[in-house]
Protein backbone atom coordinates (compact mmCIF):
# COMPACT_ATOMS: atom_id res chain seq x y z
CA UNK A 1 -0.03 0.04 -0.05
CA UNK A 2 1.48 3.15 -1.10
CA UNK A 3 1.84 5.81 1.77
CA UNK A 4 0.05 9.09 1.16
CA UNK A 5 2.55 11.74 1.77
CA UNK A 6 0.03 14.51 1.78
CA UNK A 7 -2.00 13.06 4.50
CA UNK A 8 -2.22 14.72 8.10
CA UNK A 9 -0.96 11.43 9.34
CA UNK A 10 2.26 11.42 7.59
CA UNK A 11 2.88 14.98 8.36
CA UNK A 12 2.45 14.53 12.03
CA UNK A 13 4.54 11.23 12.02
CA UNK A 14 7.15 12.88 10.24
CA UNK A 15 7.35 15.77 12.32
CA UNK A 16 7.44 13.59 15.46
CA UNK A 17 10.28 11.34 14.28
CA UNK A 18 12.02 14.58 13.22
CA UNK A 19 11.52 16.01 16.91
CA UNK A 20 12.87 12.92 18.37
CA UNK A 21 15.88 12.75 16.20
CA UNK A 22 16.86 16.36 16.73
CA UNK A 23 16.19 16.04 20.58
CA UNK A 24 18.50 12.92 20.52
CA UNK A 25 21.27 14.71 18.57
CA UNK A 26 21.08 17.70 20.99
CA UNK A 27 21.23 15.54 24.00
CA UNK A 28 24.09 13.72 22.51
CA UNK A 29 26.02 16.86 21.85
CA UNK A 30 25.25 18.42 25.30
CA UNK A 31 26.43 15.21 27.18
CA UNK A 32 29.56 14.87 25.02
CA UNK A 33 30.52 18.61 25.53
CA UNK A 34 29.58 18.56 29.25
CA UNK A 35 33.10 17.81 30.54
CA UNK A 36 34.59 20.49 28.07
CA UNK A 37 32.02 23.28 29.26
CA UNK A 38 32.84 22.61 32.77
CA UNK A 39 36.38 22.75 32.35
CA UNK A 40 36.03 26.06 30.57
CA UNK A 41 33.90 27.40 33.47
CA UNK A 42 36.68 26.20 35.94
CA UNK A 43 39.38 27.78 33.87
CA UNK A 44 37.60 31.15 33.77
CA UNK A 45 37.01 31.02 37.46
CA UNK A 46 40.44 30.57 38.06
CA UNK A 47 41.43 33.45 35.86
CA UNK A 48 39.08 35.91 37.82
CA UNK A 49 40.56 34.74 41.00
CA UNK A 50 44.15 35.45 39.75
CA UNK A 51 43.10 38.74 38.22
CA UNK A 52 41.91 40.06 41.87
CA UNK A 53 45.73 39.98 42.66
CA UNK A 54 46.85 41.41 39.55
CA UNK A 55 47.91 38.36 37.67
CA UNK A 56 46.30 38.27 34.26
CA UNK A 57 46.70 34.87 32.37
CA UNK A 58 45.12 33.39 29.27
CA UNK A 59 42.41 30.66 29.97
CA UNK A 60 44.79 28.00 28.69
CA UNK A 61 47.37 28.98 31.18
CA UNK A 62 44.96 29.63 34.13
CA UNK A 63 45.43 26.04 35.63
CA UNK A 64 49.01 26.08 35.85
CA UNK A 65 49.23 29.83 37.39
CA UNK A 66 46.48 28.92 39.72
CA UNK A 67 48.67 25.85 40.89
CA UNK A 68 51.67 27.98 41.18
CA UNK A 69 50.33 30.93 42.97
CA UNK A 70 47.29 29.82 45.07
CA UNK A 71 49.05 28.35 48.21
CA UNK A 72 45.88 27.28 50.05
CA UNK A 73 42.10 26.86 49.91
CA UNK A 74 40.06 27.20 53.10
CA UNK A 75 36.42 26.56 53.76
CA UNK A 76 34.79 28.51 56.65
CA UNK A 77 31.64 28.40 58.65
CA UNK A 78 31.41 30.76 61.49
CA UNK A 79 34.88 31.33 63.02
CA UNK A 80 35.91 27.55 62.07
CA UNK A 81 37.82 26.30 59.35
CA UNK A 82 35.99 23.22 57.87
CA UNK A 83 38.22 20.25 56.90
CA UNK A 84 37.60 17.97 53.96
CA UNK A 85 35.80 20.40 51.81
CA UNK A 86 36.73 22.00 48.38
CA UNK A 87 36.79 25.68 48.62
CA UNK A 88 36.92 25.80 44.91
CA UNK A 89 33.61 23.88 44.90
CA UNK A 90 31.78 25.83 47.07
CA UNK A 91 28.67 27.33 45.44
CA UNK A 92 28.27 30.87 46.66
CA UNK A 93 24.58 31.33 45.04
CA UNK A 94 23.49 28.34 47.15
CA UNK A 95 25.33 29.27 50.43
CA UNK A 96 23.85 32.84 50.45
CA UNK A 97 20.40 31.24 50.44
CA UNK A 98 21.19 30.04 53.94
CA UNK A 99 21.23 31.83 57.25
CA UNK A 100 24.51 33.55 57.77
CA UNK A 101 25.50 31.40 60.67
CA UNK A 102 25.05 28.26 58.31
CA UNK A 103 26.99 29.45 55.34
CA UNK A 104 30.08 27.98 54.25
CA UNK A 105 32.64 30.60 52.89
CA UNK A 106 35.59 29.62 50.46
CA UNK A 107 38.67 31.45 50.81
CA UNK A 108 41.72 31.49 48.76
CA UNK A 109 45.25 32.30 50.05
CA UNK A 110 47.75 33.44 47.27
CA UNK A 111 51.54 33.86 47.31
CA UNK A 112 52.33 36.11 44.44
CA UNK A 113 55.62 38.10 44.06
CA UNK A 114 56.44 36.72 47.72
CA UNK A 115 53.36 38.43 49.09
CA UNK A 116 50.57 36.78 50.74
CA UNK A 117 46.91 37.75 50.05
CA UNK A 118 43.38 36.53 50.83
CA UNK A 119 40.97 36.35 48.07
CA UNK A 120 37.34 36.47 48.89
CA UNK A 121 34.48 35.41 46.48
CA UNK A 122 31.62 37.63 46.20
CA UNK A 123 27.95 36.98 45.05
CA UNK A 124 25.00 39.46 44.92
CA UNK A 125 21.99 40.71 42.98
CA UNK A 126 22.02 43.31 40.25
CA UNK A 127 19.32 44.97 38.25
CA UNK A 128 18.46 42.03 35.82
CA UNK A 129 20.26 39.10 37.52
CA UNK A 130 23.10 37.79 39.58
CA UNK A 131 26.51 39.52 39.93
CA UNK A 132 29.62 38.34 41.44
CA UNK A 133 33.31 38.83 41.80
CA UNK A 134 36.61 38.54 43.83
CA UNK A 135 38.36 40.88 46.07
CA UNK A 136 41.84 40.34 47.22
CA UNK A 137 43.02 41.63 50.68
CA UNK A 138 46.70 42.27 51.59
CA UNK A 139 47.89 40.17 54.76
CA UNK A 140 46.77 42.82 57.01
CA UNK A 141 43.09 41.56 56.14
CA UNK A 142 42.21 45.33 55.45
CA UNK A 143 43.70 46.85 52.35
CA UNK A 144 42.45 45.88 49.01
CA UNK A 145 44.93 44.59 46.35
CA UNK A 146 42.36 44.30 43.72
CA UNK A 147 39.06 43.42 42.84
CA UNK A 148 37.12 41.93 39.59
CA UNK A 149 33.33 41.90 39.03
CA UNK A 150 31.09 39.91 36.63
CA UNK A 151 27.51 39.98 35.88
CA UNK A 152 24.91 37.88 33.91
CA UNK A 153 22.58 40.39 32.10
CA UNK A 154 23.21 43.92 33.38
CA UNK A 155 22.54 46.76 30.84
CA UNK A 156 25.56 47.29 28.54
CA UNK A 157 26.90 50.97 29.05
CA UNK A 158 25.17 51.16 32.36
CA UNK A 159 25.15 48.44 35.01
CA UNK A 160 27.51 46.28 32.93
CA UNK A 161 30.32 48.58 33.56
CA UNK A 162 30.99 47.01 36.87
CA UNK A 163 33.13 44.59 34.82
CA UNK A 164 35.24 47.15 33.33
CA UNK A 165 38.61 48.78 34.51
CA UNK A 166 36.94 52.29 35.15
CA UNK A 167 34.94 50.75 38.01
CA UNK A 168 37.17 48.06 39.11
CA UNK A 169 40.47 50.28 39.10
CA UNK A 170 39.02 52.26 42.06
CA UNK A 171 39.38 49.28 44.49
CA UNK A 172 43.25 48.93 45.18
CA UNK A 173 44.14 50.81 48.21
CA UNK A 174 40.56 50.89 49.59
CA UNK A 175 40.22 49.53 53.18
CA UNK A 176 37.34 47.41 54.64
CA UNK A 177 38.16 48.23 58.37
CA UNK A 178 38.11 51.37 60.22
CA UNK A 179 40.54 50.65 63.25
CA UNK A 180 39.14 47.21 64.56
CA UNK A 181 35.64 47.96 63.15
CA UNK A 182 34.62 46.27 59.83
CA UNK A 183 33.00 48.97 57.75
CA UNK A 184 33.12 47.28 54.18
CA UNK A 185 33.51 49.64 50.92
CA UNK A 186 30.62 51.84 50.31
CA UNK A 187 29.71 52.40 46.52
CA UNK A 188 28.40 56.17 46.43
CA UNK A 189 26.57 57.99 43.99
CA UNK A 190 29.36 59.97 42.25
CA UNK A 191 30.91 61.59 45.51
CA UNK A 192 33.28 59.03 46.95
CA UNK A 193 36.03 60.13 49.12
CA UNK A 194 38.67 58.61 51.51
CA UNK A 195 39.70 54.87 51.50
CA UNK A 196 36.13 53.39 52.26
CA UNK A 197 34.12 54.59 49.30
CA UNK A 198 34.17 54.09 45.46
CA UNK A 199 32.04 55.85 42.95
CA UNK A 200 29.20 53.87 41.53
CA UNK A 201 28.14 53.48 37.98
CA UNK A 202 26.49 56.53 36.32
CA UNK A 203 23.17 55.40 35.23
CA UNK A 204 23.41 52.21 36.95
CA UNK A 205 22.06 52.88 40.29
CA UNK A 206 20.46 49.67 41.05
CA UNK A 207 23.55 47.60 39.90
CA UNK A 208 25.78 49.86 42.21
CA UNK A 209 23.48 49.32 45.19
CA UNK A 210 23.77 45.76 44.49
CA UNK A 211 27.46 45.75 44.50
CA UNK A 212 27.39 47.56 47.72
CA UNK A 213 25.08 45.23 49.53
CA UNK A 214 27.11 42.26 47.98
CA UNK A 215 30.41 43.66 49.56
CA UNK A 216 28.94 44.20 53.02
CA UNK A 217 27.18 40.70 52.91
CA UNK A 218 29.98 38.59 51.71
CA UNK A 219 33.10 40.34 53.53
CA UNK A 220 31.08 40.24 56.91
CA UNK A 221 31.07 36.51 56.84
CA UNK A 222 34.81 36.22 57.00
CA UNK A 223 35.60 38.83 59.85
CA UNK A 224 34.79 36.36 62.77
CA UNK A 225 37.34 33.83 61.24
CA UNK A 226 39.81 36.47 60.49
CA UNK A 227 39.63 37.86 64.14
CA UNK A 228 39.84 34.46 65.65
CA UNK A 229 42.13 32.73 63.50
CA UNK A 230 44.47 35.12 61.39
CA UNK A 231 44.56 38.52 63.25
CA UNK A 232 45.05 36.98 66.73
CA UNK A 233 48.02 34.80 65.17
CA UNK A 234 49.42 37.99 63.85
CA UNK A 235 49.09 40.00 67.07
CA UNK A 236 50.60 37.08 68.92
CA UNK A 237 53.39 36.82 66.55
CA UNK A 238 54.01 40.75 66.65
CA UNK A 239 54.10 40.72 70.73
CA UNK A 240 56.51 37.74 70.60
CA UNK A 241 58.76 39.32 68.04
CA UNK A 242 58.77 42.53 70.11
CA UNK A 243 59.62 40.73 73.25
CA UNK A 244 62.24 38.68 71.79
CA UNK A 245 63.87 41.87 70.28
CA UNK A 246 63.82 43.74 73.79
CA UNK A 247 65.76 41.03 75.26
């Protein structure tokens, strides 16, 4: 019996087969490329972490540069270091959904040009979607070495400017502490002054507010650990060194 290629049944059947074949091909392609896509995401993340300390590398070189310059990865909860977890694998988007006391915070300790620095991941909300970044502190846990920011869908020429040098280059030399008090870095509407403020993006008010909130929220989560583990050790070492010198 000859098939009627002009019938509705043939049309629907052909369309169904075509959909199944295309779906199978797309599924196979996505599965076969998954490892490569995940590797690219990891390499870009390493690039951004390194960029916060002023080390710019190509994606192909990111893994080696990361291995050479990131001396330690730590996961923090409260004022405690949590062993057995990968800082690189912590999903900040998921952690920030939790209560602050329950969050796990990743910390990357770099040794670049014989200088130790502490790199803190950032995650927040812009106008149209998530924003993120990394901020690196000197070993005084106060002075900013550098910062990088990214976004998913902020407006080009406005909020998207957070990922450009015109915004990011304001951060080196800024301070997050005032004496022993955490104050963060305020993103101001064009009238920033001193070492605790930077200018926001002109025309990108909501994104600027998002960066301001992101800095406060994420940086605050590390202060208890810094006070109890790192600053306390630094103070004890300084006191010991002074005592040894005097004798």
